[in-house]
Amino acid sequence: MDIRAAIAAERRELADLLDGLTAEQWDAPSLCAGWRVRDVAAHMSLGFRYRLPALAAELLKARGSLHRMTDRCARKDAAALSAPQLAAALRDNADHPWTPPVGGFEAALGHDVVHGLDITVPLDLDRRVPEDRLRVLLAGVTPKSLKFFRADTDGIALHADDLDWSFGTGTPLHGTAQDLLLVAFGRKLPPGRLRGAPGERFTTA
């Protein structure tokens, strides 16, 4: 798969989806704790809109905490930019070569896919991530990545219902491949999406 082309396609598809949201949906909660849909959308384009000196200045304001910096910037930018501007920031930068500090283009694809699901899943929008993109990301699930995203799957075997993919050993946890990808990225899902005894551990109250 041409991963750069997949990243560009993901961004354009998400921009189209964002263009169709209502005002209420833009202000609805996402899967990212404390962030609305518009905050997630603002965060997704952070790397396109900020040059390195500006990022360094924001990191300094956050006293060196990357988490505080991204949270502050997401909220600030979500308040300053309109919904069409937030969608356009993704579409206009579909081919931008940005990657996270660690992981290269696979990590950039994961960033876009997972944050897209952070938006669509709580809104109950039936967007299916293309299988080739999911397979790239699922292939990158490792004990190290689970630890990085604080996904506690010890003693659990993840089994996708719609792809020939599984990971881990222990008590089975079933779900769609994209829902299990969210589990592997440390997310909690709305009720009814996972099957198996460990499901409550990864389900919102």
N, C-alpha and C. Protein backbone atom coordinates (compact mmCIF):
# COMPACT_ATOMS: atom_id res chain seq x y z
N MET A 1 0.83 -1.19 0.00
CA MET A 1 0.00 0.00 0.00
C MET A 1 0.87 1.25 0.00
N ASP A 2 0.47 2.26 -0.75
CA ASP A 2 1.14 3.56 -0.75
C ASP A 2 0.64 4.30 0.48
N ILE A 3 1.44 4.32 1.53
CA ILE A 3 0.96 4.87 2.79
C ILE A 3 0.74 6.37 2.72
N ARG A 4 1.56 7.08 1.93
CA ARG A 4 1.35 8.52 1.79
C ARG A 4 0.00 8.80 1.12
N ALA A 5 -0.34 7.98 0.13
CA ALA A 5 -1.65 8.13 -0.53
C ALA A 5 -2.78 7.80 0.42
N ALA A 6 -2.57 6.81 1.29
CA ALA A 6 -3.60 6.44 2.26
C ALA A 6 -3.83 7.56 3.27
N ILE A 7 -2.75 8.20 3.71
CA ILE A 7 -2.87 9.32 4.64
C ILE A 7 -3.66 10.46 4.00
N ALA A 8 -3.31 10.78 2.75
CA ALA A 8 -4.00 11.86 2.04
C ALA A 8 -5.49 11.54 1.88
N ALA A 9 -5.79 10.31 1.52
CA ALA A 9 -7.19 9.91 1.35
C ALA A 9 -7.94 9.99 2.67
N GLU A 10 -7.31 9.54 3.74
CA GLU A 10 -7.96 9.59 5.06
C GLU A 10 -8.30 11.03 5.44
N ARG A 11 -7.37 11.94 5.22
CA ARG A 11 -7.61 13.34 5.58
C ARG A 11 -8.73 13.94 4.74
N ARG A 12 -8.74 13.65 3.46
CA ARG A 12 -9.80 14.20 2.59
C ARG A 12 -11.16 13.64 2.98
N GLU A 13 -11.21 12.34 3.26
CA GLU A 13 -12.48 11.73 3.65
C GLU A 13 -13.00 12.30 4.97
N LEU A 14 -12.09 12.51 5.93
CA LEU A 14 -12.51 13.07 7.20
C LEU A 14 -12.95 14.52 7.04
N ALA A 15 -12.27 15.27 6.18
CA ALA A 15 -12.69 16.65 5.92
C ALA A 15 -14.09 16.69 5.34
N ASP A 16 -14.38 15.79 4.41
CA ASP A 16 -15.74 15.72 3.85
C ASP A 16 -16.76 15.38 4.93
N LEU A 17 -16.39 14.46 5.81
CA LEU A 17 -17.30 14.08 6.89
C LEU A 17 -17.54 15.28 7.83
N LEU A 18 -16.47 15.99 8.18
CA LEU A 18 -16.61 17.15 9.05
C LEU A 18 -17.50 18.21 8.44
N ASP A 19 -17.41 18.39 7.13
CA ASP A 19 -18.24 19.38 6.46
C ASP A 19 -19.73 19.09 6.62
N GLY A 20 -20.07 17.83 6.87
CA GLY A 20 -21.47 17.45 6.99
C GLY A 20 -22.02 17.45 8.40
N LEU A 21 -21.21 17.81 9.39
CA LEU A 21 -21.67 17.78 10.78
C LEU A 21 -22.53 18.99 11.11
N THR A 22 -23.46 18.78 12.02
CA THR A 22 -24.28 19.88 12.52
C THR A 22 -23.53 20.63 13.61
N ALA A 23 -24.04 21.78 13.98
CA ALA A 23 -23.42 22.56 15.06
C ALA A 23 -23.41 21.76 16.36
N GLU A 24 -24.48 21.01 16.61
CA GLU A 24 -24.55 20.20 17.82
C GLU A 24 -23.49 19.10 17.80
N GLN A 25 -23.26 18.50 16.64
CA GLN A 25 -22.25 17.45 16.54
C GLN A 25 -20.84 18.00 16.74
N TRP A 26 -20.58 19.19 16.26
CA TRP A 26 -19.26 19.80 16.45
C TRP A 26 -18.96 20.01 17.93
N ASP A 27 -19.99 20.24 18.73
CA ASP A 27 -19.78 20.49 20.15
C ASP A 27 -20.02 19.25 21.02
N ALA A 28 -20.25 18.10 20.39
CA ALA A 28 -20.49 16.86 21.13
C ALA A 28 -19.17 16.31 21.68
N PRO A 29 -19.23 15.51 22.75
CA PRO A 29 -18.02 14.91 23.30
C PRO A 29 -17.41 13.90 22.31
N SER A 30 -16.10 13.82 22.32
CA SER A 30 -15.38 12.82 21.53
C SER A 30 -14.92 11.70 22.45
N LEU A 31 -14.19 10.73 21.91
CA LEU A 31 -13.61 9.68 22.75
C LEU A 31 -12.39 10.17 23.53
N CYS A 32 -11.84 11.32 23.15
CA CYS A 32 -10.72 11.91 23.87
C CYS A 32 -11.26 12.65 25.09
N ALA A 33 -10.92 12.19 26.25
CA ALA A 33 -11.51 12.72 27.48
C ALA A 33 -11.34 14.23 27.56
N GLY A 34 -12.47 14.92 27.73
CA GLY A 34 -12.45 16.38 27.88
C GLY A 34 -12.46 17.16 26.59
N TRP A 35 -12.37 16.48 25.47
CA TRP A 35 -12.36 17.18 24.17
C TRP A 35 -13.68 16.97 23.45
N ARG A 36 -14.17 18.07 22.87
CA ARG A 36 -15.30 17.99 21.95
C ARG A 36 -14.80 17.59 20.57
N VAL A 37 -15.73 17.33 19.67
CA VAL A 37 -15.37 17.00 18.29
C VAL A 37 -14.50 18.11 17.70
N ARG A 38 -14.86 19.36 17.93
CA ARG A 38 -14.08 20.46 17.34
C ARG A 38 -12.67 20.53 17.92
N ASP A 39 -12.50 20.13 19.16
CA ASP A 39 -11.16 20.12 19.75
C ASP A 39 -10.27 19.07 19.09
N VAL A 40 -10.87 17.90 18.82
CA VAL A 40 -10.12 16.84 18.13
C VAL A 40 -9.75 17.30 16.73
N ALA A 41 -10.70 17.91 16.03
CA ALA A 41 -10.42 18.38 14.67
C ALA A 41 -9.31 19.42 14.67
N ALA A 42 -9.32 20.31 15.64
CA ALA A 42 -8.27 21.32 15.74
C ALA A 42 -6.92 20.66 16.01
N HIS A 43 -6.91 19.69 16.89
CA HIS A 43 -5.66 18.99 17.21
C HIS A 43 -5.09 18.27 15.99
N MET A 44 -5.96 17.70 15.16
CA MET A 44 -5.49 16.92 14.02
C MET A 44 -4.67 17.75 13.04
N SER A 45 -4.94 19.04 12.98
CA SER A 45 -4.22 19.89 12.01
C SER A 45 -3.14 20.73 12.68
N LEU A 46 -2.87 20.48 13.95
CA LEU A 46 -1.86 21.25 14.67
C LEU A 46 -0.51 21.25 13.95
N GLY A 47 -0.07 20.07 13.53
CA GLY A 47 1.24 19.95 12.89
C GLY A 47 1.34 20.65 11.55
N PHE A 48 0.21 20.94 10.93
CA PHE A 48 0.21 21.64 9.65
C PHE A 48 0.25 23.16 9.84
N ARG A 49 -0.40 23.61 10.90
CA ARG A 49 -0.63 25.04 11.07
C ARG A 49 0.45 25.76 11.88
N TYR A 50 1.23 25.02 12.65
CA TYR A 50 2.25 25.62 13.50
C TYR A 50 3.65 25.32 12.94
N ARG A 51 4.43 26.34 12.76
CA ARG A 51 5.84 26.13 12.42
C ARG A 51 6.62 25.81 13.70
N LEU A 52 7.82 25.30 13.51
CA LEU A 52 8.61 24.83 14.66
C LEU A 52 8.81 25.90 15.73
N PRO A 53 9.15 27.15 15.39
CA PRO A 53 9.32 28.17 16.44
C PRO A 53 8.04 28.38 17.25
N ALA A 54 6.89 28.35 16.59
CA ALA A 54 5.62 28.53 17.30
C ALA A 54 5.35 27.34 18.22
N LEU A 55 5.66 26.14 17.74
CA LEU A 55 5.49 24.96 18.59
C LEU A 55 6.40 25.03 19.82
N ALA A 56 7.64 25.48 19.60
CA ALA A 56 8.58 25.60 20.71
C ALA A 56 8.06 26.60 21.74
N ALA A 57 7.49 27.70 21.26
CA ALA A 57 6.94 28.71 22.16
C ALA A 57 5.76 28.15 22.95
N GLU A 58 4.90 27.39 22.27
CA GLU A 58 3.75 26.79 22.97
C GLU A 58 4.22 25.77 24.00
N LEU A 59 5.26 25.01 23.67
CA LEU A 59 5.78 24.02 24.61
C LEU A 59 6.38 24.71 25.84
N LEU A 60 7.00 25.85 25.62
CA LEU A 60 7.55 26.62 26.73
C LEU A 60 6.44 27.12 27.64
N LYS A 61 5.35 27.60 27.04
CA LYS A 61 4.20 28.05 27.85
C LYS A 61 3.63 26.90 28.68
N ALA A 62 3.73 25.69 28.15
CA ALA A 62 3.20 24.51 28.85
C ALA A 62 4.23 23.90 29.79
N ARG A 63 5.32 24.62 30.04
CA ARG A 63 6.38 24.18 30.97
C ARG A 63 6.94 22.82 30.56
N GLY A 64 7.07 22.62 29.24
CA GLY A 64 7.71 21.42 28.73
C GLY A 64 6.82 20.21 28.61
N SER A 65 5.54 20.34 28.96
CA SER A 65 4.63 19.20 28.89
C SER A 65 3.94 19.15 27.53
N LEU A 66 4.24 18.11 26.77
CA LEU A 66 3.62 17.96 25.46
C LEU A 66 2.10 17.80 25.60
N HIS A 67 1.66 17.08 26.64
CA HIS A 67 0.23 16.88 26.86
C HIS A 67 -0.47 18.21 27.12
N ARG A 68 0.11 19.03 28.01
CA ARG A 68 -0.51 20.33 28.29
C ARG A 68 -0.51 21.22 27.06
N MET A 69 0.58 21.15 26.27
CA MET A 69 0.66 21.98 25.08
C MET A 69 -0.43 21.61 24.07
N THR A 70 -0.56 20.31 23.78
CA THR A 70 -1.55 19.90 22.78
C THR A 70 -2.97 20.18 23.27
N ASP A 71 -3.22 20.03 24.56
CA ASP A 71 -4.54 20.31 25.10
C ASP A 71 -4.86 21.80 24.98
N ARG A 72 -3.92 22.64 25.35
CA ARG A 72 -4.13 24.08 25.29
C ARG A 72 -4.35 24.54 23.86
N CYS A 73 -3.50 24.06 22.94
CA CYS A 73 -3.61 24.47 21.55
C CYS A 73 -4.92 24.00 20.92
N ALA A 74 -5.33 22.78 21.25
CA ALA A 74 -6.58 22.25 20.69
C ALA A 74 -7.76 23.11 21.11
N ARG A 75 -7.83 23.45 22.38
CA ARG A 75 -8.95 24.25 22.88
C ARG A 75 -8.90 25.67 22.32
N LYS A 76 -7.71 26.24 22.29
CA LYS A 76 -7.55 27.61 21.78
C LYS A 76 -7.91 27.69 20.31
N ASP A 77 -7.40 26.76 19.52
CA ASP A 77 -7.64 26.79 18.08
C ASP A 77 -9.09 26.43 17.74
N ALA A 78 -9.68 25.53 18.52
CA ALA A 78 -11.09 25.17 18.29
C ALA A 78 -12.00 26.37 18.51
N ALA A 79 -11.61 27.25 19.44
CA ALA A 79 -12.40 28.44 19.70
C ALA A 79 -12.17 29.51 18.64
N ALA A 80 -10.97 29.52 18.07
CA ALA A 80 -10.62 30.59 17.13
C ALA A 80 -11.03 30.29 15.69
N LEU A 81 -11.10 29.02 15.32
CA LEU A 81 -11.37 28.63 13.94
C LEU A 81 -12.80 28.15 13.79
N SER A 82 -13.41 28.48 12.66
CA SER A 82 -14.77 28.03 12.38
C SER A 82 -14.76 26.57 11.95
N ALA A 83 -15.93 25.97 11.95
CA ALA A 83 -16.04 24.58 11.50
C ALA A 83 -15.52 24.40 10.07
N PRO A 84 -15.91 25.25 9.10
CA PRO A 84 -15.36 25.10 7.75
C PRO A 84 -13.84 25.24 7.71
N GLN A 85 -13.29 26.12 8.55
CA GLN A 85 -11.83 26.28 8.57
C GLN A 85 -11.14 25.03 9.13
N LEU A 86 -11.74 24.42 10.14
CA LEU A 86 -11.15 23.20 10.71
C LEU A 86 -11.17 22.06 9.70
N ALA A 87 -12.27 21.93 8.96
CA ALA A 87 -12.33 20.89 7.93
C ALA A 87 -11.34 21.18 6.81
N ALA A 88 -11.26 22.45 6.41
CA ALA A 88 -10.35 22.83 5.32
C ALA A 88 -8.89 22.60 5.70
N ALA A 89 -8.56 22.76 6.99
CA ALA A 89 -7.17 22.55 7.41
C ALA A 89 -6.72 21.12 7.16
N LEU A 90 -7.65 20.17 7.25
CA LEU A 90 -7.32 18.79 6.91
C LEU A 90 -7.25 18.59 5.40
N ARG A 91 -8.26 19.08 4.71
CA ARG A 91 -8.32 18.87 3.25
C ARG A 91 -7.15 19.55 2.54
N ASP A 92 -6.86 20.78 2.92
CA ASP A 92 -5.81 21.54 2.23
C ASP A 92 -4.42 21.00 2.53
N ASN A 93 -4.29 20.21 3.57
CA ASN A 93 -2.99 19.64 3.94
C ASN A 93 -2.98 18.12 3.81
N ALA A 94 -3.82 17.60 2.95
CA ALA A 94 -3.91 16.15 2.78
C ALA A 94 -2.55 15.53 2.44
N ASP A 95 -1.74 16.23 1.67
CA ASP A 95 -0.45 15.70 1.25
C ASP A 95 0.72 16.22 2.09
N HIS A 96 0.42 16.87 3.20
CA HIS A 96 1.48 17.41 4.06
C HIS A 96 2.32 16.26 4.63
N PRO A 97 3.64 16.40 4.67
CA PRO A 97 4.51 15.30 5.11
C PRO A 97 4.68 15.20 6.63
N TRP A 98 3.83 15.86 7.40
CA TRP A 98 3.96 15.81 8.87
C TRP A 98 3.89 14.37 9.38
N THR A 99 4.73 14.10 10.36
CA THR A 99 4.65 12.83 11.10
C THR A 99 4.83 13.14 12.58
N PRO A 100 4.30 12.29 13.47
CA PRO A 100 4.54 12.48 14.91
C PRO A 100 6.02 12.36 15.23
N PRO A 101 6.42 12.78 16.43
CA PRO A 101 7.84 12.71 16.80
C PRO A 101 8.43 11.31 16.69
N VAL A 102 7.58 10.27 16.88
CA VAL A 102 8.06 8.89 16.80
C VAL A 102 7.12 8.10 15.90
N GLY A 103 7.67 7.31 14.97
CA GLY A 103 6.83 6.36 14.24
C GLY A 103 6.71 6.56 12.75
N GLY A 104 7.11 7.70 12.22
CA GLY A 104 7.09 7.89 10.78
C GLY A 104 5.68 7.95 10.21
N PHE A 105 5.54 7.59 8.93
CA PHE A 105 4.26 7.73 8.24
C PHE A 105 3.20 6.76 8.76
N GLU A 106 3.61 5.59 9.25
CA GLU A 106 2.63 4.68 9.85
C GLU A 106 1.97 5.34 11.06
N ALA A 107 2.79 6.06 11.86
CA ALA A 107 2.24 6.76 13.02
C ALA A 107 1.34 7.91 12.59
N ALA A 108 1.68 8.58 11.49
CA ALA A 108 0.82 9.65 10.98
C ALA A 108 -0.53 9.10 10.54
N LEU A 109 -0.51 7.94 9.89
CA LEU A 109 -1.76 7.30 9.50
C LEU A 109 -2.58 6.93 10.73
N GLY A 110 -1.91 6.37 11.74
CA GLY A 110 -2.61 6.01 12.97
C GLY A 110 -3.20 7.23 13.65
N HIS A 111 -2.47 8.33 13.66
CA HIS A 111 -2.96 9.57 14.25
C HIS A 111 -4.26 10.00 13.59
N ASP A 112 -4.30 9.97 12.26
CA ASP A 112 -5.49 10.42 11.54
C ASP A 112 -6.65 9.44 11.69
N VAL A 113 -6.36 8.15 11.54
CA VAL A 113 -7.43 7.15 11.62
C VAL A 113 -8.05 7.13 13.01
N VAL A 114 -7.23 7.08 14.05
CA VAL A 114 -7.75 6.96 15.40
C VAL A 114 -8.49 8.22 15.82
N HIS A 115 -7.94 9.38 15.51
CA HIS A 115 -8.66 10.61 15.86
C HIS A 115 -9.95 10.76 15.04
N GLY A 116 -9.94 10.24 13.83
CA GLY A 116 -11.19 10.22 13.07
C GLY A 116 -12.24 9.37 13.77
N LEU A 117 -11.82 8.22 14.29
CA LEU A 117 -12.74 7.36 15.04
C LEU A 117 -13.12 7.99 16.37
N ASP A 118 -12.23 8.78 16.95
CA ASP A 118 -12.58 9.51 18.17
C ASP A 118 -13.79 10.41 17.94
N ILE A 119 -13.96 10.83 16.70
CA ILE A 119 -15.09 11.69 16.32
C ILE A 119 -16.30 10.87 15.93
N THR A 120 -16.11 9.90 15.03
CA THR A 120 -17.26 9.22 14.44
C THR A 120 -17.93 8.22 15.38
N VAL A 121 -17.16 7.56 16.23
CA VAL A 121 -17.76 6.53 17.10
C VAL A 121 -18.75 7.12 18.10
N PRO A 122 -18.40 8.16 18.87
CA PRO A 122 -19.38 8.70 19.81
C PRO A 122 -20.56 9.38 19.13
N LEU A 123 -20.36 9.84 17.88
CA LEU A 123 -21.47 10.42 17.13
C LEU A 123 -22.33 9.34 16.47
N ASP A 124 -21.91 8.08 16.61
CA ASP A 124 -22.62 6.94 16.03
C ASP A 124 -22.75 7.07 14.51
N LEU A 125 -21.67 7.54 13.88
CA LEU A 125 -21.63 7.62 12.43
C LEU A 125 -21.00 6.34 11.89
N ASP A 126 -21.62 5.74 10.92
CA ASP A 126 -21.17 4.43 10.43
C ASP A 126 -20.08 4.59 9.38
N ARG A 127 -18.94 5.13 9.81
CA ARG A 127 -17.81 5.23 8.89
C ARG A 127 -16.91 4.02 9.09
N ARG A 128 -16.64 3.32 7.99
CA ARG A 128 -15.78 2.15 8.03
C ARG A 128 -14.41 2.52 7.46
N VAL A 129 -13.40 2.41 8.27
CA VAL A 129 -12.03 2.68 7.80
C VAL A 129 -11.65 1.59 6.80
N PRO A 130 -11.12 1.96 5.63
CA PRO A 130 -10.75 0.93 4.65
C PRO A 130 -9.82 -0.13 5.23
N GLU A 131 -10.02 -1.36 4.78
CA GLU A 131 -9.31 -2.49 5.36
C GLU A 131 -7.80 -2.36 5.24
N ASP A 132 -7.30 -1.86 4.11
CA ASP A 132 -5.85 -1.80 3.95
C ASP A 132 -5.21 -0.86 4.98
N ARG A 133 -5.90 0.21 5.33
CA ARG A 133 -5.37 1.11 6.36
C ARG A 133 -5.41 0.45 7.73
N LEU A 134 -6.49 -0.24 8.02
CA LEU A 134 -6.59 -0.94 9.30
C LEU A 134 -5.49 -1.98 9.45
N ARG A 135 -5.23 -2.71 8.38
CA ARG A 135 -4.22 -3.78 8.47
C ARG A 135 -2.83 -3.21 8.77
N VAL A 136 -2.50 -2.08 8.18
CA VAL A 136 -1.21 -1.44 8.48
C VAL A 136 -1.12 -1.11 9.96
N LEU A 137 -2.18 -0.55 10.51
CA LEU A 137 -2.16 -0.12 11.91
C LEU A 137 -2.22 -1.30 12.87
N LEU A 138 -3.02 -2.31 12.55
CA LEU A 138 -3.09 -3.48 13.41
C LEU A 138 -1.76 -4.24 13.43
N ALA A 139 -1.06 -4.21 12.30
CA ALA A 139 0.26 -4.86 12.25
C ALA A 139 1.26 -4.17 13.17
N GLY A 140 0.98 -2.92 13.51
CA GLY A 140 1.88 -2.17 14.39
C GLY A 140 1.55 -2.29 15.86
N VAL A 141 0.53 -3.06 16.21
CA VAL A 141 0.18 -3.26 17.63
C VAL A 141 1.19 -4.22 18.25
N THR A 142 1.87 -3.76 19.26
CA THR A 142 2.89 -4.53 19.95
C THR A 142 2.78 -4.27 21.45
N PRO A 143 3.42 -5.09 22.28
CA PRO A 143 3.43 -4.77 23.72
C PRO A 143 3.96 -3.36 23.99
N LYS A 144 4.93 -2.93 23.21
CA LYS A 144 5.50 -1.59 23.40
C LYS A 144 4.48 -0.51 23.06
N SER A 145 3.75 -0.70 21.96
CA SER A 145 2.76 0.32 21.58
C SER A 145 1.61 0.36 22.59
N LEU A 146 1.19 -0.80 23.08
CA LEU A 146 0.13 -0.84 24.08
C LEU A 146 0.54 -0.08 25.34
N LYS A 147 1.78 -0.25 25.74
CA LYS A 147 2.28 0.46 26.91
C LYS A 147 2.31 1.96 26.66
N PHE A 148 2.73 2.35 25.46
CA PHE A 148 2.82 3.78 25.11
C PHE A 148 1.45 4.44 25.21
N PHE A 149 0.42 3.74 24.72
CA PHE A 149 -0.94 4.30 24.73
C PHE A 149 -1.72 3.94 26.00
N ARG A 150 -1.04 3.33 26.96
CA ARG A 150 -1.65 2.97 28.25
C ARG A 150 -2.88 2.09 28.06
N ALA A 151 -2.75 1.15 27.16
CA ALA A 151 -3.82 0.18 26.92
C ALA A 151 -3.53 -1.08 27.71
N ASP A 152 -4.26 -1.30 28.78
CA ASP A 152 -4.01 -2.44 29.67
C ASP A 152 -4.75 -3.67 29.16
N THR A 153 -4.08 -4.43 28.31
CA THR A 153 -4.70 -5.64 27.75
C THR A 153 -4.04 -6.91 28.29
N ASP A 154 -3.35 -6.81 29.41
CA ASP A 154 -2.73 -8.00 30.00
C ASP A 154 -3.80 -9.06 30.28
N GLY A 155 -3.52 -10.29 29.85
CA GLY A 155 -4.44 -11.39 30.09
C GLY A 155 -5.65 -11.40 29.19
N ILE A 156 -5.58 -10.61 28.09
CA ILE A 156 -6.72 -10.50 27.17
C ILE A 156 -6.25 -10.83 25.76
N ALA A 157 -7.06 -11.58 25.04
CA ALA A 157 -6.81 -11.87 23.63
C ALA A 157 -7.81 -11.09 22.79
N LEU A 158 -7.32 -10.16 21.99
CA LEU A 158 -8.17 -9.36 21.11
C LEU A 158 -8.46 -10.16 19.84
N HIS A 159 -9.74 -10.27 19.47
CA HIS A 159 -10.14 -11.02 18.28
C HIS A 159 -11.08 -10.16 17.43
N ALA A 160 -10.64 -9.84 16.22
CA ALA A 160 -11.49 -9.05 15.32
C ALA A 160 -12.56 -9.94 14.70
N ASP A 161 -13.79 -9.43 14.65
CA ASP A 161 -14.90 -10.18 14.07
C ASP A 161 -14.93 -10.08 12.55
N ASP A 162 -14.32 -9.02 12.01
CA ASP A 162 -14.46 -8.76 10.57
C ASP A 162 -13.16 -8.88 9.80
N LEU A 163 -12.07 -9.19 10.48
CA LEU A 163 -10.77 -9.42 9.82
C LEU A 163 -10.11 -10.62 10.49
N ASP A 164 -9.19 -11.25 9.77
CA ASP A 164 -8.44 -12.36 10.36
C ASP A 164 -7.27 -11.80 11.16
N TRP A 165 -7.61 -11.19 12.29
CA TRP A 165 -6.59 -10.57 13.14
C TRP A 165 -6.90 -10.85 14.60
N SER A 166 -5.86 -11.19 15.33
CA SER A 166 -5.97 -11.33 16.78
C SER A 166 -4.65 -10.94 17.39
N PHE A 167 -4.69 -10.64 18.67
CA PHE A 167 -3.46 -10.25 19.38
C PHE A 167 -3.60 -10.60 20.85
N GLY A 168 -2.54 -11.18 21.38
CA GLY A 168 -2.49 -11.46 22.80
C GLY A 168 -3.05 -12.83 23.15
N THR A 169 -2.94 -13.17 24.42
CA THR A 169 -3.46 -14.45 24.93
C THR A 169 -4.23 -14.18 26.21
N GLY A 170 -5.23 -15.02 26.43
CA GLY A 170 -6.02 -14.88 27.64
C GLY A 170 -7.50 -14.87 27.33
N THR A 171 -8.26 -14.16 28.14
CA THR A 171 -9.72 -14.09 27.98
C THR A 171 -10.06 -13.35 26.70
N PRO A 172 -10.90 -13.93 25.82
CA PRO A 172 -11.19 -13.30 24.53
C PRO A 172 -12.01 -12.01 24.68
N LEU A 173 -11.65 -11.04 23.87
CA LEU A 173 -12.42 -9.81 23.71
C LEU A 173 -12.67 -9.62 22.22
N HIS A 174 -13.93 -9.59 21.82
CA HIS A 174 -14.30 -9.51 20.41
C HIS A 174 -14.87 -8.14 20.07
N GLY A 175 -14.64 -7.74 18.82
CA GLY A 175 -15.20 -6.50 18.30
C GLY A 175 -14.75 -6.32 16.88
N THR A 176 -15.21 -5.28 16.24
CA THR A 176 -14.72 -5.00 14.89
C THR A 176 -13.25 -4.62 14.98
N ALA A 177 -12.56 -4.74 13.86
CA ALA A 177 -11.13 -4.42 13.84
C ALA A 177 -10.89 -2.98 14.25
N GLN A 178 -11.74 -2.06 13.79
CA GLN A 178 -11.48 -0.67 14.12
C GLN A 178 -11.81 -0.36 15.58
N ASP A 179 -12.77 -1.07 16.16
CA ASP A 179 -13.02 -0.89 17.58
C ASP A 179 -11.88 -1.45 18.43
N LEU A 180 -11.33 -2.59 18.02
CA LEU A 180 -10.19 -3.14 18.75
C LEU A 180 -8.94 -2.29 18.56
N LEU A 181 -8.83 -1.62 17.41
CA LEU A 181 -7.73 -0.68 17.23
C LEU A 181 -7.84 0.45 18.26
N LEU A 182 -9.06 0.92 18.49
CA LEU A 182 -9.26 1.95 19.51
C LEU A 182 -8.87 1.45 20.89
N VAL A 183 -9.21 0.21 21.21
CA VAL A 183 -8.79 -0.39 22.48
C VAL A 183 -7.27 -0.36 22.58
N ALA A 184 -6.60 -0.74 21.49
CA ALA A 184 -5.13 -0.79 21.48
C ALA A 184 -4.51 0.59 21.59
N PHE A 185 -5.29 1.62 21.27
CA PHE A 185 -4.81 3.00 21.40
C PHE A 185 -5.31 3.64 22.70
N GLY A 186 -5.76 2.82 23.63
CA GLY A 186 -6.10 3.31 24.95
C GLY A 186 -7.44 3.97 25.10
N ARG A 187 -8.36 3.72 24.16
CA ARG A 187 -9.67 4.36 24.23
C ARG A 187 -10.69 3.48 24.95
N LYS A 188 -11.70 4.14 25.51
CA LYS A 188 -12.89 3.46 26.02
C LYS A 188 -14.04 3.74 25.06
N LEU A 189 -14.82 2.71 24.76
CA LEU A 189 -15.86 2.79 23.74
C LEU A 189 -17.25 2.88 24.37
N PRO A 190 -18.22 3.36 23.60
CA PRO A 190 -19.60 3.35 24.10
C PRO A 190 -20.06 1.91 24.34
N PRO A 191 -21.05 1.73 25.21
CA PRO A 191 -21.56 0.39 25.49
C PRO A 191 -22.08 -0.32 24.25
N GLY A 192 -21.95 -1.66 24.25
CA GLY A 192 -22.53 -2.47 23.20
C GLY A 192 -21.64 -2.75 22.01
N ARG A 193 -20.41 -2.22 22.01
CA ARG A 193 -19.54 -2.40 20.84
C ARG A 193 -18.57 -3.57 21.00
N LEU A 194 -18.32 -4.01 22.22
CA LEU A 194 -17.37 -5.09 22.48
C LEU A 194 -18.09 -6.27 23.10
N ARG A 195 -17.56 -7.47 22.84
CA ARG A 195 -18.14 -8.69 23.41
C ARG A 195 -17.05 -9.47 24.14
N GLY A 196 -17.42 -9.98 25.29
CA GLY A 196 -16.48 -10.75 26.09
C GLY A 196 -16.39 -10.19 27.49
N ALA A 197 -15.96 -11.04 28.41
CA ALA A 197 -15.91 -10.65 29.82
C ALA A 197 -15.08 -9.39 30.09
N PRO A 198 -13.97 -9.16 29.37
CA PRO A 198 -13.17 -7.96 29.67
C PRO A 198 -13.77 -6.67 29.09
N GLY A 199 -14.90 -6.76 28.41
CA GLY A 199 -15.43 -5.60 27.70
C GLY A 199 -15.66 -4.39 28.57
N GLU A 200 -16.11 -4.61 29.82
CA GLU A 200 -16.41 -3.49 30.71
C GLU A 200 -15.18 -2.62 30.99
N ARG A 201 -14.00 -3.25 30.94
CA ARG A 201 -12.77 -2.52 31.19
C ARG A 201 -12.54 -1.44 30.13
N PHE A 202 -13.09 -1.65 28.95
CA PHE A 202 -12.84 -0.73 27.83
C PHE A 202 -14.12 -0.04 27.36
N THR A 203 -15.08 0.06 28.25
CA THR A 203 -16.37 0.66 27.91
C THR A 203 -16.62 1.85 28.82
N THR A 204 -17.15 2.93 28.24
CA THR A 204 -17.47 4.10 29.05
C THR A 204 -18.65 3.80 29.97
N ALA A 205 -18.69 4.49 31.07
CA ALA A 205 -19.76 4.26 32.05
C ALA A 205 -21.10 4.69 31.47
